[in-house]
Amino acid sequence: METTTTVPTQIKSLRQRLNECPPFCLYYGAHYNSPRRPTLPELVKASGMSHRTFTRISQKGSWDGITVLRMQQFANACGVDLLNPQPLLDWLRSELQKPEPFKRFDACHNSRAKMVEHFNLAAAKAVMAKDRAASV
């Protein structure tokens, strides 16, 4: 007697799961649970990557094209567990509902408004890329 196993269609690949919390989210939420947000040079140094590589990854809307080693270095520098991103995503959601989101960026960048604008742009790009992938 032959048994068949059906695989639920809701199972996501590892890449799909990781893309639920893309690099730009990690960058904006870097050390979200600490009183002080590290500066970009501090994050770059913690990652062990060049400034250019770290910055390029921080602007991406997905993990596509990024090696596992770079993912790990980036996530560790940002203080985020890629396999459990929900606390970060919850923090981002609550931060975006505040009257002045990302207020703590003023301390290290002094350009909160620009950071909010960039976050919204990166989020929009990520959503559009996800919609394009779903329509293919």
Protein backbone atom coordinates (compact mmCIF):
# COMPACT_ATOMS: atom_id res chain seq x y z
CA MET A 1 0.00 0.00 0.00
CA GLU A 2 1.42 3.29 -1.09
CA THR A 3 1.11 6.40 1.06
CA THR A 4 1.28 9.88 -0.33
CA THR A 5 2.29 12.97 1.46
CA THR A 6 0.98 16.32 0.42
CA VAL A 7 3.05 19.37 1.03
CA PRO A 8 1.12 22.47 2.07
CA THR A 9 1.42 25.27 -0.44
CA GLN A 10 1.95 27.79 2.36
CA ILE A 11 5.49 26.60 3.13
CA LYS A 12 7.95 29.37 2.34
CA SER A 13 11.51 29.00 1.22
CA LEU A 14 14.27 30.26 3.48
CA ARG A 15 14.89 33.18 1.11
CA GLN A 16 11.19 34.16 1.19
CA ARG A 17 11.23 33.99 4.99
CA LEU A 18 14.36 36.16 5.20
CA ASN A 19 12.88 38.68 2.76
CA GLU A 20 10.05 39.34 5.21
CA CYS A 21 12.67 41.39 7.05
CA PRO A 22 14.84 42.91 4.30
CA PRO A 23 18.21 44.57 4.89
CA PHE A 24 16.89 48.12 5.06
CA CYS A 25 14.67 47.08 7.99
CA LEU A 26 17.69 45.75 9.87
CA TYR A 27 19.58 48.96 9.20
CA TYR A 28 16.78 51.20 10.44
CA GLY A 29 16.17 49.01 13.46
CA ALA A 30 19.84 48.48 14.29
CA HIS A 31 20.09 47.88 18.02
CA TYR A 32 16.44 48.92 18.39
CA ASN A 33 16.38 47.58 21.94
CA SER A 34 19.34 49.61 23.18
CA PRO A 35 19.20 53.20 24.44
CA ARG A 36 21.63 54.49 21.83
CA ARG A 37 21.64 53.75 18.12
CA PRO A 38 25.12 53.12 16.72
CA THR A 39 26.42 55.44 14.04
CA LEU A 40 27.05 54.20 10.52
CA PRO A 41 30.85 53.99 11.05
CA GLU A 42 30.26 51.91 14.20
CA LEU A 43 27.95 49.53 12.31
CA VAL A 44 30.44 49.23 9.44
CA LYS A 45 33.27 48.44 11.85
CA ALA A 46 31.15 45.84 13.69
CA SER A 47 30.27 44.15 10.39
CA GLY A 48 33.85 43.78 9.17
CA MET A 49 32.76 44.94 5.71
CA SER A 50 33.81 47.95 3.72
CA HIS A 51 31.73 51.11 4.09
CA ARG A 52 30.55 50.78 0.50
CA THR A 53 29.44 47.14 0.87
CA PHE A 54 27.61 47.80 4.13
CA THR A 55 25.86 50.87 2.72
CA ARG A 56 24.77 49.07 -0.42
CA ILE A 57 23.31 46.19 1.58
CA SER A 58 21.54 48.63 3.93
CA GLN A 59 19.61 50.09 0.97
CA LYS A 60 18.40 46.77 -0.44
CA GLY A 61 14.77 45.71 -0.34
CA SER A 62 15.58 42.00 -0.37
CA TRP A 63 18.38 39.59 0.45
CA ASP A 64 18.65 38.52 -3.21
CA GLY A 65 22.25 38.49 -4.39
CA ILE A 66 23.70 38.72 -0.87
CA THR A 67 25.79 35.80 0.36
CA VAL A 68 24.99 34.04 3.61
CA LEU A 69 28.26 35.31 5.09
CA ARG A 70 27.36 38.93 4.28
CA MET A 71 23.83 38.40 5.64
CA GLN A 72 25.28 37.14 8.90
CA GLN A 73 27.83 39.96 9.18
CA PHE A 74 25.17 42.58 8.45
CA ALA A 75 22.60 41.12 10.86
CA ASN A 76 25.16 40.70 13.64
CA ALA A 77 26.35 44.30 13.25
CA CYS A 78 22.73 45.47 13.44
CA GLY A 79 22.05 43.28 16.47
CA VAL A 80 19.18 41.39 14.83
CA ASP A 81 18.48 37.66 14.79
CA LEU A 82 17.52 36.89 11.18
CA LEU A 83 15.79 33.69 12.23
CA ASN A 84 13.58 35.58 14.69
CA PRO A 85 12.96 39.03 13.17
CA GLN A 86 9.50 39.52 14.70
CA PRO A 87 10.67 41.69 17.64
CA LEU A 88 12.37 44.06 15.17
CA LEU A 89 9.34 44.13 12.86
CA ASP A 90 7.08 44.87 15.84
CA TRP A 91 9.40 47.70 16.90
CA LEU A 92 9.43 49.16 13.36
CA ARG A 93 5.64 49.00 13.21
CA SER A 94 5.30 50.85 16.51
CA GLU A 95 8.00 53.36 15.54
CA LEU A 96 6.23 54.24 12.31
CA GLN A 97 3.02 55.01 14.21
CA LYS A 98 4.70 57.67 16.35
CA PRO A 99 4.24 61.37 15.52
CA GLU A 100 8.01 61.65 14.94
CA PRO A 101 9.24 58.24 13.78
CA PHE A 102 12.95 57.46 14.05
CA LYS A 103 13.48 60.36 16.46
CA ARG A 104 16.63 58.67 17.73
CA PHE A 105 18.27 59.23 14.33
CA ASP A 106 18.64 62.89 15.28
CA ALA A 107 21.28 61.92 17.83
CA CYS A 108 23.60 60.25 15.33
CA HIS A 109 22.61 61.64 11.96
CA ASN A 110 20.70 64.85 12.68
CA SER A 111 18.57 64.11 9.65
CA ARG A 112 15.48 62.26 10.87
CA ALA A 113 13.17 63.59 8.14
CA LYS A 114 15.52 62.39 5.40
CA MET A 115 15.80 58.96 7.07
CA VAL A 116 11.99 58.61 7.28
CA GLU A 117 11.70 59.55 3.61
CA HIS A 118 14.35 56.98 2.66
CA PHE A 119 12.67 54.29 4.78
CA ASN A 120 9.35 54.91 3.03
CA LEU A 121 11.03 54.76 -0.38
CA ALA A 122 12.84 51.50 0.47
CA ALA A 123 9.63 49.99 1.84
CA ALA A 124 7.72 50.96 -1.31
CA LYS A 125 10.41 49.40 -3.51
CA ALA A 126 10.31 46.19 -1.48
CA VAL A 127 6.52 45.96 -1.79
CA MET A 128 6.64 46.60 -5.55
CA ALA A 129 9.35 43.95 -6.02
CA LYS A 130 7.28 41.47 -4.03
CA ASP A 131 4.20 42.25 -6.15
CA ARG A 132 6.20 41.79 -9.37
CA ALA A 133 7.53 38.43 -8.17
CA ALA A 134 4.02 37.27 -7.23
CA SER A 135 2.62 38.18 -10.66
CA VAL A 136 5.23 36.12 -12.54
